[in-house]
């Protein structure tokens, strides 16, 4: 099992990065928020989970071991595969997911792309408190790009994900000025927009 990779970020895409380590380029699937936090040419460490299928081996990467553990736990729910588990962590952080499943907050769970009411009920029922209790949030807002630059990056990411320029602009404007870095701002925007594209 490949549990962690440290190397140089060779390429950053919308949902995948290439991490060079030991002369090998590892293609790692990541959430948009994780991709936004990585910079080409910089050194990075990703906590990874290898998903083995009959016809593929796919490596998923996360900023923390906690995110990886939540990703793996989510896949124990029937009907939840790696794509939905990654989408869940794109919309809700690990602690938000813990709160949502432990309190049965179906509305929050239904913000995850691909999760309807029945899937949300299954998540709450089958996972319950297995994700552990929500940890205290450490520190204040994450340090990120200067204000203005983060908003521009997030707006571009939302457009690439399928929202119109106008919808992306409104979502970013509503959240701007809170001192959020690009990754946290993107997560908040995805949470705000849910599955709506109009």
N, C-alpha and C. Protein backbone atom coordinates (compact mmCIF):
# COMPACT_ATOMS: atom_id res chain seq x y z
N UNK A 1 0.85 -1.20 0.00
CA UNK A 1 0.00 0.00 0.00
C UNK A 1 0.88 1.24 0.00
N UNK A 2 0.56 2.19 -0.88
CA UNK A 2 1.28 3.46 -0.93
C UNK A 2 0.53 4.43 -0.04
N UNK A 3 1.11 4.78 1.11
CA UNK A 3 0.41 5.60 2.10
C UNK A 3 0.79 7.07 2.04
N UNK A 4 1.96 7.38 1.48
CA UNK A 4 2.39 8.78 1.46
C UNK A 4 3.44 8.97 0.39
N UNK A 5 3.38 10.12 -0.28
CA UNK A 5 4.38 10.48 -1.28
C UNK A 5 4.90 11.88 -1.00
N UNK A 6 6.21 12.05 -1.10
CA UNK A 6 6.81 13.38 -0.99
C UNK A 6 7.68 13.58 -2.21
N UNK A 7 7.48 14.69 -2.89
CA UNK A 7 8.27 14.95 -4.08
C UNK A 7 7.98 16.33 -4.63
N UNK A 8 8.40 16.55 -5.86
CA UNK A 8 8.22 17.84 -6.52
C UNK A 8 6.96 17.80 -7.37
N UNK A 9 6.15 18.82 -7.25
CA UNK A 9 4.92 18.91 -8.05
C UNK A 9 5.30 19.25 -9.48
N UNK A 10 5.10 18.30 -10.38
CA UNK A 10 5.47 18.47 -11.78
C UNK A 10 4.35 19.15 -12.56
N UNK A 11 3.12 18.80 -12.24
CA UNK A 11 1.96 19.34 -12.97
C UNK A 11 0.77 19.42 -12.02
N UNK A 12 -0.02 20.48 -12.13
CA UNK A 12 -1.25 20.63 -11.35
C UNK A 12 -2.41 20.78 -12.30
N UNK A 13 -3.35 19.85 -12.23
CA UNK A 13 -4.58 19.94 -13.02
C UNK A 13 -5.73 20.29 -12.12
N UNK A 14 -6.94 20.23 -12.65
CA UNK A 14 -8.13 20.57 -11.88
C UNK A 14 -8.41 19.51 -10.82
N UNK A 15 -8.22 18.23 -11.20
CA UNK A 15 -8.54 17.15 -10.27
C UNK A 15 -7.42 16.12 -10.12
N UNK A 16 -6.24 16.46 -10.62
CA UNK A 16 -5.10 15.53 -10.51
C UNK A 16 -3.80 16.31 -10.54
N UNK A 17 -2.78 15.73 -9.90
CA UNK A 17 -1.45 16.31 -9.94
C UNK A 17 -0.46 15.21 -10.30
N UNK A 18 0.69 15.63 -10.81
CA UNK A 18 1.79 14.69 -11.04
C UNK A 18 2.89 15.06 -10.05
N UNK A 19 3.25 14.08 -9.22
CA UNK A 19 4.26 14.29 -8.18
C UNK A 19 5.49 13.46 -8.54
N UNK A 20 6.63 14.12 -8.73
CA UNK A 20 7.87 13.43 -9.08
C UNK A 20 8.59 13.04 -7.81
N UNK A 21 8.87 11.75 -7.68
CA UNK A 21 9.62 11.25 -6.53
C UNK A 21 10.44 10.04 -6.94
N UNK A 22 11.72 10.09 -6.64
CA UNK A 22 12.61 8.98 -6.98
C UNK A 22 12.68 8.68 -8.46
N UNK A 23 12.54 9.71 -9.30
CA UNK A 23 12.61 9.51 -10.75
C UNK A 23 11.31 9.04 -11.37
N UNK A 24 10.26 8.88 -10.57
CA UNK A 24 8.96 8.45 -11.07
C UNK A 24 7.95 9.58 -10.96
N UNK A 25 7.09 9.68 -11.95
CA UNK A 25 6.01 10.67 -11.89
C UNK A 25 4.71 9.97 -11.53
N UNK A 26 4.20 10.26 -10.35
CA UNK A 26 2.97 9.64 -9.86
C UNK A 26 1.79 10.54 -10.18
N UNK A 27 0.81 10.01 -10.90
CA UNK A 27 -0.42 10.78 -11.15
C UNK A 27 -1.36 10.50 -9.99
N UNK A 28 -1.74 11.55 -9.28
CA UNK A 28 -2.54 11.41 -8.08
C UNK A 28 -3.83 12.22 -8.23
N UNK A 29 -4.97 11.57 -8.06
CA UNK A 29 -6.25 12.25 -8.11
C UNK A 29 -6.44 13.02 -6.80
N UNK A 30 -6.87 14.27 -6.89
CA UNK A 30 -7.03 15.12 -5.71
C UNK A 30 -8.33 15.92 -5.84
N UNK A 31 -8.76 16.51 -4.74
CA UNK A 31 -9.92 17.41 -4.78
C UNK A 31 -9.47 18.74 -5.37
N UNK A 32 -10.40 19.54 -5.91
CA UNK A 32 -10.01 20.86 -6.42
C UNK A 32 -9.32 21.72 -5.36
N UNK A 33 -9.77 21.61 -4.11
CA UNK A 33 -9.16 22.41 -3.04
C UNK A 33 -7.70 22.00 -2.83
N UNK A 34 -7.41 20.71 -2.88
CA UNK A 34 -6.02 20.24 -2.74
C UNK A 34 -5.19 20.70 -3.92
N UNK A 35 -5.75 20.60 -5.13
CA UNK A 35 -5.03 21.05 -6.32
C UNK A 35 -4.68 22.53 -6.21
N UNK A 36 -5.64 23.33 -5.71
CA UNK A 36 -5.40 24.77 -5.57
C UNK A 36 -4.29 25.08 -4.57
N UNK A 37 -4.12 24.19 -3.59
CA UNK A 37 -3.12 24.42 -2.55
C UNK A 37 -1.71 24.05 -3.01
N UNK A 38 -1.59 23.35 -4.13
CA UNK A 38 -0.28 22.91 -4.61
C UNK A 38 0.23 23.83 -5.71
N UNK A 39 1.54 23.96 -5.78
CA UNK A 39 2.17 24.86 -6.75
C UNK A 39 3.22 24.10 -7.54
N UNK A 40 3.16 24.23 -8.85
CA UNK A 40 4.12 23.56 -9.72
C UNK A 40 5.55 23.92 -9.37
N UNK A 41 6.43 22.92 -9.29
CA UNK A 41 7.83 23.14 -8.96
C UNK A 41 8.13 23.11 -7.48
N UNK A 42 7.10 23.17 -6.64
CA UNK A 42 7.31 23.15 -5.19
C UNK A 42 7.33 21.71 -4.67
N UNK A 43 7.93 21.53 -3.51
CA UNK A 43 7.91 20.21 -2.88
C UNK A 43 6.61 20.05 -2.10
N UNK A 44 6.04 18.87 -2.14
CA UNK A 44 4.77 18.62 -1.46
C UNK A 44 4.73 17.20 -0.93
N UNK A 45 3.94 17.02 0.11
CA UNK A 45 3.67 15.69 0.66
C UNK A 45 2.18 15.43 0.58
N UNK A 46 1.82 14.29 0.00
CA UNK A 46 0.42 13.89 -0.07
C UNK A 46 0.24 12.56 0.65
N UNK A 47 -0.78 12.48 1.47
CA UNK A 47 -1.18 11.22 2.09
C UNK A 47 -2.07 10.53 1.07
N UNK A 48 -1.77 9.27 0.76
CA UNK A 48 -2.42 8.64 -0.39
C UNK A 48 -3.19 7.38 -0.03
N UNK A 49 -4.12 7.07 -0.92
CA UNK A 49 -4.90 5.84 -0.82
C UNK A 49 -4.94 5.22 -2.21
N UNK A 50 -4.53 3.97 -2.33
CA UNK A 50 -4.51 3.28 -3.61
C UNK A 50 -5.80 2.49 -3.76
N UNK A 51 -6.57 2.81 -4.80
CA UNK A 51 -7.82 2.10 -5.07
C UNK A 51 -7.58 1.12 -6.21
N UNK A 52 -7.77 -0.15 -5.91
CA UNK A 52 -7.51 -1.22 -6.88
C UNK A 52 -8.83 -1.70 -7.47
N UNK A 53 -8.92 -1.64 -8.78
CA UNK A 53 -10.07 -2.16 -9.51
C UNK A 53 -9.57 -3.22 -10.48
N UNK A 54 -10.50 -3.95 -11.03
CA UNK A 54 -10.13 -5.03 -11.95
C UNK A 54 -9.29 -4.53 -13.12
N UNK A 55 -9.63 -3.31 -13.60
CA UNK A 55 -8.94 -2.78 -14.78
C UNK A 55 -8.09 -1.54 -14.51
N UNK A 56 -7.91 -1.17 -13.24
CA UNK A 56 -7.12 0.03 -12.98
C UNK A 56 -6.57 0.08 -11.56
N UNK A 57 -5.51 0.85 -11.41
CA UNK A 57 -4.95 1.20 -10.11
C UNK A 57 -4.95 2.73 -10.06
N UNK A 58 -5.67 3.31 -9.10
CA UNK A 58 -5.79 4.77 -9.03
C UNK A 58 -5.33 5.25 -7.67
N UNK A 59 -4.45 6.24 -7.69
CA UNK A 59 -3.92 6.81 -6.46
C UNK A 59 -4.65 8.11 -6.16
N UNK A 60 -5.19 8.23 -4.95
CA UNK A 60 -5.88 9.44 -4.51
C UNK A 60 -5.03 10.09 -3.43
N UNK A 61 -4.91 11.41 -3.48
CA UNK A 61 -4.03 12.11 -2.55
C UNK A 61 -4.77 13.16 -1.73
N UNK A 62 -4.26 13.38 -0.50
CA UNK A 62 -4.89 14.28 0.46
C UNK A 62 -3.82 15.05 1.22
N UNK A 63 -4.20 16.23 1.71
CA UNK A 63 -3.26 17.06 2.45
C UNK A 63 -2.96 16.50 3.83
N UNK A 64 -3.92 15.77 4.41
CA UNK A 64 -3.70 15.22 5.76
C UNK A 64 -4.07 13.74 5.79
N UNK A 65 -3.51 13.05 6.77
CA UNK A 65 -3.86 11.66 6.99
C UNK A 65 -5.31 11.50 7.39
N UNK A 66 -5.85 12.51 8.08
CA UNK A 66 -7.25 12.47 8.50
C UNK A 66 -8.17 12.46 7.28
N UNK A 67 -7.89 13.31 6.29
CA UNK A 67 -8.70 13.32 5.07
C UNK A 67 -8.66 11.96 4.39
N UNK A 68 -7.47 11.35 4.32
CA UNK A 68 -7.35 10.03 3.70
C UNK A 68 -8.17 8.99 4.44
N UNK A 69 -8.12 9.02 5.78
CA UNK A 69 -8.86 8.04 6.58
C UNK A 69 -10.37 8.20 6.39
N UNK A 70 -10.84 9.45 6.32
CA UNK A 70 -12.26 9.70 6.10
C UNK A 70 -12.66 9.21 4.70
N UNK A 71 -11.81 9.47 3.71
CA UNK A 71 -12.04 9.01 2.33
C UNK A 71 -12.21 7.49 2.30
N UNK A 72 -11.33 6.78 2.98
CA UNK A 72 -11.41 5.32 2.98
C UNK A 72 -12.64 4.82 3.73
N UNK A 73 -12.98 5.48 4.83
CA UNK A 73 -14.15 5.07 5.62
C UNK A 73 -15.45 5.28 4.84
N UNK A 74 -15.53 6.38 4.10
CA UNK A 74 -16.74 6.67 3.33
C UNK A 74 -17.04 5.57 2.32
N UNK A 75 -15.99 4.95 1.79
CA UNK A 75 -16.19 3.92 0.78
C UNK A 75 -16.73 2.61 1.33
N UNK A 76 -16.83 2.50 2.65
CA UNK A 76 -17.44 1.30 3.23
C UNK A 76 -18.96 1.34 3.13
N UNK A 77 -19.51 2.49 2.76
CA UNK A 77 -20.96 2.63 2.59
C UNK A 77 -21.34 2.11 1.22
N UNK A 78 -22.38 1.28 1.15
CA UNK A 78 -22.80 0.73 -0.13
C UNK A 78 -23.22 1.86 -1.07
N UNK A 79 -22.73 1.79 -2.30
CA UNK A 79 -23.05 2.81 -3.29
C UNK A 79 -22.11 4.01 -3.30
N UNK A 80 -21.16 4.04 -2.37
CA UNK A 80 -20.20 5.15 -2.32
C UNK A 80 -18.83 4.64 -2.77
N UNK A 81 -18.40 5.12 -3.93
CA UNK A 81 -17.09 4.74 -4.45
C UNK A 81 -16.10 5.87 -4.23
N UNK A 82 -14.90 5.72 -4.78
CA UNK A 82 -13.87 6.74 -4.56
C UNK A 82 -14.23 8.11 -5.12
N UNK A 83 -14.95 8.18 -6.23
CA UNK A 83 -15.30 9.48 -6.81
C UNK A 83 -16.24 10.25 -5.89
N UNK A 84 -17.25 9.57 -5.35
CA UNK A 84 -18.19 10.26 -4.44
C UNK A 84 -17.48 10.61 -3.14
N UNK A 85 -16.62 9.71 -2.65
CA UNK A 85 -15.88 9.99 -1.41
C UNK A 85 -14.99 11.22 -1.59
N UNK A 86 -14.35 11.35 -2.76
CA UNK A 86 -13.50 12.52 -3.02
C UNK A 86 -14.36 13.78 -3.15
N UNK A 87 -15.52 13.64 -3.80
CA UNK A 87 -16.44 14.77 -3.93
C UNK A 87 -16.91 15.24 -2.55
N UNK A 88 -17.14 14.29 -1.65
CA UNK A 88 -17.57 14.64 -0.29
C UNK A 88 -16.54 15.51 0.40
N UNK A 89 -15.26 15.17 0.23
CA UNK A 89 -14.20 15.95 0.86
C UNK A 89 -13.93 17.26 0.12
N UNK A 90 -14.44 17.38 -1.11
CA UNK A 90 -14.32 18.64 -1.84
C UNK A 90 -15.34 19.65 -1.33
N UNK A 91 -16.48 19.14 -0.88
CA UNK A 91 -17.57 20.02 -0.43
C UNK A 91 -17.54 20.23 1.08
N UNK A 92 -17.27 19.17 1.82
CA UNK A 92 -17.26 19.23 3.28
C UNK A 92 -15.90 18.76 3.79
N UNK A 93 -15.34 19.45 4.76
CA UNK A 93 -14.10 18.99 5.39
C UNK A 93 -14.38 17.78 6.27
N UNK A 94 -13.34 17.10 6.73
CA UNK A 94 -13.54 15.92 7.58
C UNK A 94 -14.42 16.18 8.80
N UNK A 95 -14.20 17.30 9.49
CA UNK A 95 -15.01 17.59 10.67
C UNK A 95 -16.45 17.91 10.31
N UNK A 96 -16.66 18.59 9.18
CA UNK A 96 -18.03 18.87 8.73
C UNK A 96 -18.75 17.58 8.38
N UNK A 97 -18.03 16.64 7.76
CA UNK A 97 -18.63 15.34 7.45
C UNK A 97 -18.98 14.58 8.72
N UNK A 98 -18.07 14.65 9.72
CA UNK A 98 -18.34 13.98 10.99
C UNK A 98 -19.62 14.51 11.63
N UNK A 99 -19.74 15.84 11.64
CA UNK A 99 -20.94 16.45 12.24
C UNK A 99 -22.18 16.04 11.46
N UNK A 100 -22.10 16.08 10.13
CA UNK A 100 -23.27 15.79 9.29
C UNK A 100 -23.76 14.35 9.48
N UNK A 101 -22.83 13.39 9.48
CA UNK A 101 -23.28 11.99 9.62
C UNK A 101 -23.69 11.67 11.04
N UNK A 102 -23.03 12.25 12.03
CA UNK A 102 -23.38 11.93 13.42
C UNK A 102 -24.69 12.57 13.85
N UNK A 103 -25.02 13.73 13.24
CA UNK A 103 -26.28 14.39 13.60
C UNK A 103 -27.39 14.08 12.61
N UNK A 104 -27.07 13.34 11.54
CA UNK A 104 -28.09 13.01 10.54
C UNK A 104 -28.50 14.22 9.71
N UNK A 105 -27.57 15.14 9.46
CA UNK A 105 -27.86 16.34 8.67
C UNK A 105 -27.89 15.97 7.19
N UNK A 106 -29.06 15.51 6.72
CA UNK A 106 -29.19 15.03 5.35
C UNK A 106 -29.02 16.16 4.34
N UNK A 107 -29.45 17.37 4.70
CA UNK A 107 -29.32 18.51 3.78
C UNK A 107 -27.85 18.77 3.46
N UNK A 108 -27.00 18.71 4.47
CA UNK A 108 -25.56 18.93 4.25
C UNK A 108 -24.99 17.81 3.39
N UNK A 109 -25.38 16.58 3.66
CA UNK A 109 -24.85 15.44 2.89
C UNK A 109 -25.32 15.47 1.45
N UNK A 110 -26.51 16.00 1.20
CA UNK A 110 -27.03 16.06 -0.16
C UNK A 110 -26.36 17.14 -1.00
N UNK A 111 -25.54 17.97 -0.40
CA UNK A 111 -24.76 18.95 -1.17
C UNK A 111 -23.63 18.26 -1.93
N UNK A 112 -23.31 17.04 -1.53
CA UNK A 112 -22.23 16.29 -2.20
C UNK A 112 -22.73 15.85 -3.57
N UNK A 113 -22.01 16.18 -4.66
CA UNK A 113 -22.43 15.74 -6.00
C UNK A 113 -22.58 14.21 -6.05
N UNK A 114 -23.72 13.74 -6.56
CA UNK A 114 -23.95 12.30 -6.67
C UNK A 114 -24.63 11.68 -5.46
N UNK A 115 -24.90 12.49 -4.44
CA UNK A 115 -25.56 11.97 -3.23
C UNK A 115 -26.97 12.56 -3.14
N UNK A 116 -27.96 11.67 -3.27
CA UNK A 116 -29.36 12.05 -3.10
C UNK A 116 -29.81 11.75 -1.68
N UNK A 117 -31.12 11.84 -1.47
CA UNK A 117 -31.66 11.63 -0.13
C UNK A 117 -31.36 10.22 0.39
N UNK A 118 -31.56 9.21 -0.46
CA UNK A 118 -31.35 7.82 0.00
C UNK A 118 -29.88 7.57 0.32
N UNK A 119 -29.00 8.08 -0.53
CA UNK A 119 -27.57 7.91 -0.27
C UNK A 119 -27.16 8.63 1.01
N UNK A 120 -27.73 9.82 1.22
CA UNK A 120 -27.43 10.59 2.44
C UNK A 120 -27.90 9.82 3.68
N UNK A 121 -29.07 9.21 3.59
CA UNK A 121 -29.58 8.40 4.71
C UNK A 121 -28.66 7.21 4.98
N UNK A 122 -28.18 6.58 3.89
CA UNK A 122 -27.26 5.44 4.06
C UNK A 122 -25.98 5.88 4.73
N UNK A 123 -25.45 7.03 4.29
CA UNK A 123 -24.22 7.55 4.91
C UNK A 123 -24.42 7.76 6.41
N UNK A 124 -25.50 8.43 6.78
CA UNK A 124 -25.75 8.71 8.19
C UNK A 124 -25.95 7.42 8.98
N UNK A 125 -26.65 6.46 8.38
CA UNK A 125 -26.96 5.21 9.08
C UNK A 125 -25.73 4.30 9.20
N UNK A 126 -25.03 4.11 8.08
CA UNK A 126 -23.93 3.14 8.05
C UNK A 126 -22.63 3.66 8.67
N UNK A 127 -22.41 4.99 8.59
CA UNK A 127 -21.18 5.56 9.14
C UNK A 127 -21.37 5.98 10.59
N UNK A 128 -22.43 6.75 10.85
CA UNK A 128 -22.70 7.20 12.22
C UNK A 128 -21.49 7.86 12.85
N UNK A 129 -21.02 7.29 13.96
CA UNK A 129 -19.89 7.86 14.69
C UNK A 129 -18.56 7.19 14.33
N UNK A 130 -18.55 6.37 13.27
CA UNK A 130 -17.32 5.66 12.90
C UNK A 130 -16.21 6.58 12.40
N UNK A 131 -16.57 7.81 12.04
CA UNK A 131 -15.55 8.77 11.61
C UNK A 131 -14.87 9.43 12.80
N UNK A 132 -15.36 9.18 14.02
CA UNK A 132 -14.80 9.82 15.21
C UNK A 132 -15.50 11.14 15.46
N UNK A 133 -15.04 11.84 16.49
CA UNK A 133 -15.65 13.12 16.82
C UNK A 133 -14.88 14.24 16.16
N UNK A 134 -15.59 15.33 15.90
CA UNK A 134 -14.98 16.49 15.24
C UNK A 134 -13.91 17.09 16.12
N UNK A 135 -12.75 17.32 15.53
CA UNK A 135 -11.63 17.91 16.28
C UNK A 135 -11.81 19.42 16.34
N UNK A 136 -11.18 20.03 17.31
CA UNK A 136 -11.22 21.49 17.40
C UNK A 136 -10.44 22.06 16.23
N UNK A 137 -10.95 23.12 15.67
CA UNK A 137 -10.28 23.75 14.54
C UNK A 137 -9.02 24.44 15.05
N UNK A 138 -7.90 24.13 14.42
CA UNK A 138 -6.63 24.69 14.86
C UNK A 138 -6.38 26.01 14.17
N UNK A 139 -6.02 27.02 14.94
CA UNK A 139 -5.63 28.31 14.38
C UNK A 139 -6.78 29.03 13.72
N UNK A 140 -6.45 30.06 12.98
CA UNK A 140 -7.45 30.86 12.29
C UNK A 140 -7.53 30.48 10.84
N UNK A 141 -7.90 31.41 9.99
CA UNK A 141 -7.99 31.13 8.57
C UNK A 141 -6.63 30.71 8.00
N UNK A 142 -6.69 29.82 7.03
CA UNK A 142 -5.45 29.33 6.43
C UNK A 142 -4.77 30.45 5.67
N UNK A 143 -3.46 30.47 5.77
CA UNK A 143 -2.70 31.45 5.00
C UNK A 143 -2.72 31.04 3.55
N UNK A 144 -2.97 31.95 2.68
CA UNK A 144 -3.05 31.60 1.27
C UNK A 144 -2.58 32.76 0.43
N UNK A 145 -3.15 32.84 -0.77
CA UNK A 145 -2.78 33.91 -1.67
C UNK A 145 -3.34 35.22 -1.15
N UNK A 146 -2.74 36.34 -1.51
CA UNK A 146 -3.26 37.63 -1.08
C UNK A 146 -4.70 37.80 -1.54
N UNK A 147 -5.45 38.63 -0.78
CA UNK A 147 -6.84 38.87 -1.13
C UNK A 147 -6.90 39.43 -2.53
N UNK A 148 -7.84 38.95 -3.32
CA UNK A 148 -7.96 39.36 -4.71
C UNK A 148 -7.44 38.25 -5.61
N UNK A 149 -6.23 37.80 -5.35
CA UNK A 149 -5.66 36.71 -6.14
C UNK A 149 -6.40 35.40 -5.87
N UNK A 150 -6.72 35.14 -4.61
CA UNK A 150 -7.46 33.93 -4.25
C UNK A 150 -8.83 33.93 -4.92
N UNK A 151 -9.52 35.07 -4.89
CA UNK A 151 -10.85 35.16 -5.50
C UNK A 151 -10.78 34.88 -7.00
N UNK A 152 -9.75 35.41 -7.66
CA UNK A 152 -9.59 35.18 -9.10
C UNK A 152 -9.38 33.70 -9.40
N UNK A 153 -8.52 33.05 -8.61
CA UNK A 153 -8.25 31.62 -8.80
C UNK A 153 -9.52 30.79 -8.61
N UNK A 154 -10.27 31.11 -7.54
CA UNK A 154 -11.48 30.33 -7.23
C UNK A 154 -12.54 30.54 -8.31
N UNK A 155 -12.70 31.78 -8.77
CA UNK A 155 -13.68 32.05 -9.83
C UNK A 155 -13.35 31.22 -11.07
N UNK A 156 -12.05 31.18 -11.44
CA UNK A 156 -11.63 30.40 -12.62
C UNK A 156 -11.89 28.91 -12.40
N UNK A 157 -11.63 28.42 -11.18
CA UNK A 157 -11.85 27.01 -10.89
C UNK A 157 -13.32 26.64 -10.99
N UNK A 158 -14.19 27.51 -10.50
CA UNK A 158 -15.64 27.25 -10.56
C UNK A 158 -16.13 27.21 -12.00
N UNK A 159 -15.61 28.11 -12.83
CA UNK A 159 -15.99 28.11 -14.25
C UNK A 159 -15.54 26.82 -14.90
N UNK A 160 -14.32 26.35 -14.58
CA UNK A 160 -13.81 25.09 -15.13
C UNK A 160 -14.64 23.91 -14.67
N UNK A 161 -15.24 24.02 -13.48
CA UNK A 161 -16.07 22.94 -12.96
C UNK A 161 -17.48 22.96 -13.54
N UNK A 162 -17.83 23.98 -14.33
CA UNK A 162 -19.11 23.96 -15.02
C UNK A 162 -20.08 25.07 -14.67
N UNK A 163 -19.76 25.91 -13.71
CA UNK A 163 -20.65 27.02 -13.38
C UNK A 163 -20.41 28.16 -14.35
N UNK A 164 -21.45 29.00 -14.58
CA UNK A 164 -21.29 30.15 -15.45
C UNK A 164 -20.43 31.20 -14.75
N UNK A 165 -19.88 32.10 -15.54
CA UNK A 165 -19.05 33.18 -14.98
C UNK A 165 -19.85 34.01 -13.97
N UNK A 166 -21.13 34.27 -14.30
CA UNK A 166 -21.96 35.10 -13.41
C UNK A 166 -22.21 34.42 -12.07
N UNK A 167 -22.51 33.11 -12.11
CA UNK A 167 -22.76 32.36 -10.86
C UNK A 167 -21.48 32.28 -10.04
N UNK A 168 -20.36 32.00 -10.70
CA UNK A 168 -19.07 31.92 -10.01
C UNK A 168 -18.73 33.27 -9.36
N UNK A 169 -18.97 34.37 -10.10
CA UNK A 169 -18.68 35.70 -9.58
C UNK A 169 -19.52 36.00 -8.33
N UNK A 170 -20.83 35.67 -8.39
CA UNK A 170 -21.71 35.93 -7.24
C UNK A 170 -21.25 35.13 -6.02
N UNK A 171 -20.92 33.85 -6.23
CA UNK A 171 -20.51 32.99 -5.11
C UNK A 171 -19.24 33.53 -4.46
N UNK A 172 -18.27 33.94 -5.28
CA UNK A 172 -17.01 34.46 -4.75
C UNK A 172 -17.23 35.81 -4.06
N UNK A 173 -18.06 36.66 -4.65
CA UNK A 173 -18.34 37.97 -4.04
C UNK A 173 -18.99 37.81 -2.67
N UNK A 174 -19.90 36.83 -2.55
CA UNK A 174 -20.58 36.59 -1.27
C UNK A 174 -19.62 36.16 -0.18
N UNK A 175 -18.52 35.48 -0.57
CA UNK A 175 -17.60 34.92 0.41
C UNK A 175 -16.32 35.74 0.57
N UNK A 176 -16.10 36.69 -0.32
CA UNK A 176 -14.85 37.47 -0.30
C UNK A 176 -14.77 38.33 0.97
N UNK A 177 -13.55 38.65 1.36
CA UNK A 177 -13.33 39.53 2.49
C UNK A 177 -13.31 38.82 3.83
N UNK A 178 -13.34 37.49 3.82
CA UNK A 178 -13.29 36.73 5.07
C UNK A 178 -11.89 36.27 5.42
N UNK A 179 -10.89 36.66 4.63
CA UNK A 179 -9.50 36.27 4.90
C UNK A 179 -9.19 34.82 4.56
N UNK A 180 -10.03 34.20 3.71
CA UNK A 180 -9.82 32.80 3.35
C UNK A 180 -8.78 32.68 2.25
N UNK A 181 -7.96 31.63 2.35
CA UNK A 181 -7.04 31.31 1.27
C UNK A 181 -7.81 30.68 0.13
N UNK A 182 -7.16 30.44 -1.00
CA UNK A 182 -7.84 29.93 -2.20
C UNK A 182 -8.53 28.59 -1.93
N UNK A 183 -7.84 27.66 -1.26
CA UNK A 183 -8.44 26.33 -1.05
C UNK A 183 -9.67 26.40 -0.15
N UNK A 184 -9.61 27.19 0.94
CA UNK A 184 -10.76 27.30 1.83
C UNK A 184 -11.90 28.07 1.16
N UNK A 185 -11.55 29.06 0.36
CA UNK A 185 -12.57 29.82 -0.36
C UNK A 185 -13.27 28.94 -1.39
N UNK A 186 -12.50 28.09 -2.08
CA UNK A 186 -13.09 27.18 -3.06
C UNK A 186 -14.03 26.19 -2.36
N UNK A 187 -13.60 25.65 -1.23
CA UNK A 187 -14.44 24.72 -0.48
C UNK A 187 -15.75 25.40 -0.06
N UNK A 188 -15.65 26.63 0.44
CA UNK A 188 -16.84 27.37 0.88
C UNK A 188 -17.76 27.65 -0.31
N UNK A 189 -17.18 27.99 -1.46
CA UNK A 189 -17.98 28.27 -2.66
C UNK A 189 -18.69 27.02 -3.14
N UNK A 190 -17.99 25.88 -3.13
CA UNK A 190 -18.62 24.61 -3.54
C UNK A 190 -19.75 24.24 -2.60
N UNK A 191 -19.53 24.47 -1.32
CA UNK A 191 -20.57 24.19 -0.33
C UNK A 191 -21.78 25.09 -0.57
N UNK A 192 -21.53 26.34 -0.86
CA UNK A 192 -22.61 27.31 -1.09
C UNK A 192 -23.41 26.96 -2.34
N UNK A 193 -22.71 26.58 -3.39
CA UNK A 193 -23.37 26.31 -4.67
C UNK A 193 -24.04 24.95 -4.72
N UNK A 194 -23.52 23.98 -3.97
CA UNK A 194 -24.10 22.64 -4.00
C UNK A 194 -24.04 22.09 -5.41
N UNK A 195 -25.13 21.51 -5.88
CA UNK A 195 -25.17 20.92 -7.22
C UNK A 195 -25.72 21.86 -8.28
N UNK A 196 -26.08 23.11 -7.91
CA UNK A 196 -26.70 24.02 -8.87
C UNK A 196 -25.67 24.50 -9.88
N UNK A 197 -26.07 24.55 -11.12
CA UNK A 197 -25.19 25.08 -12.18
C UNK A 197 -25.80 26.33 -12.81
N UNK A 198 -27.02 26.72 -12.41
CA UNK A 198 -27.69 27.83 -13.07
C UNK A 198 -27.45 29.14 -12.40
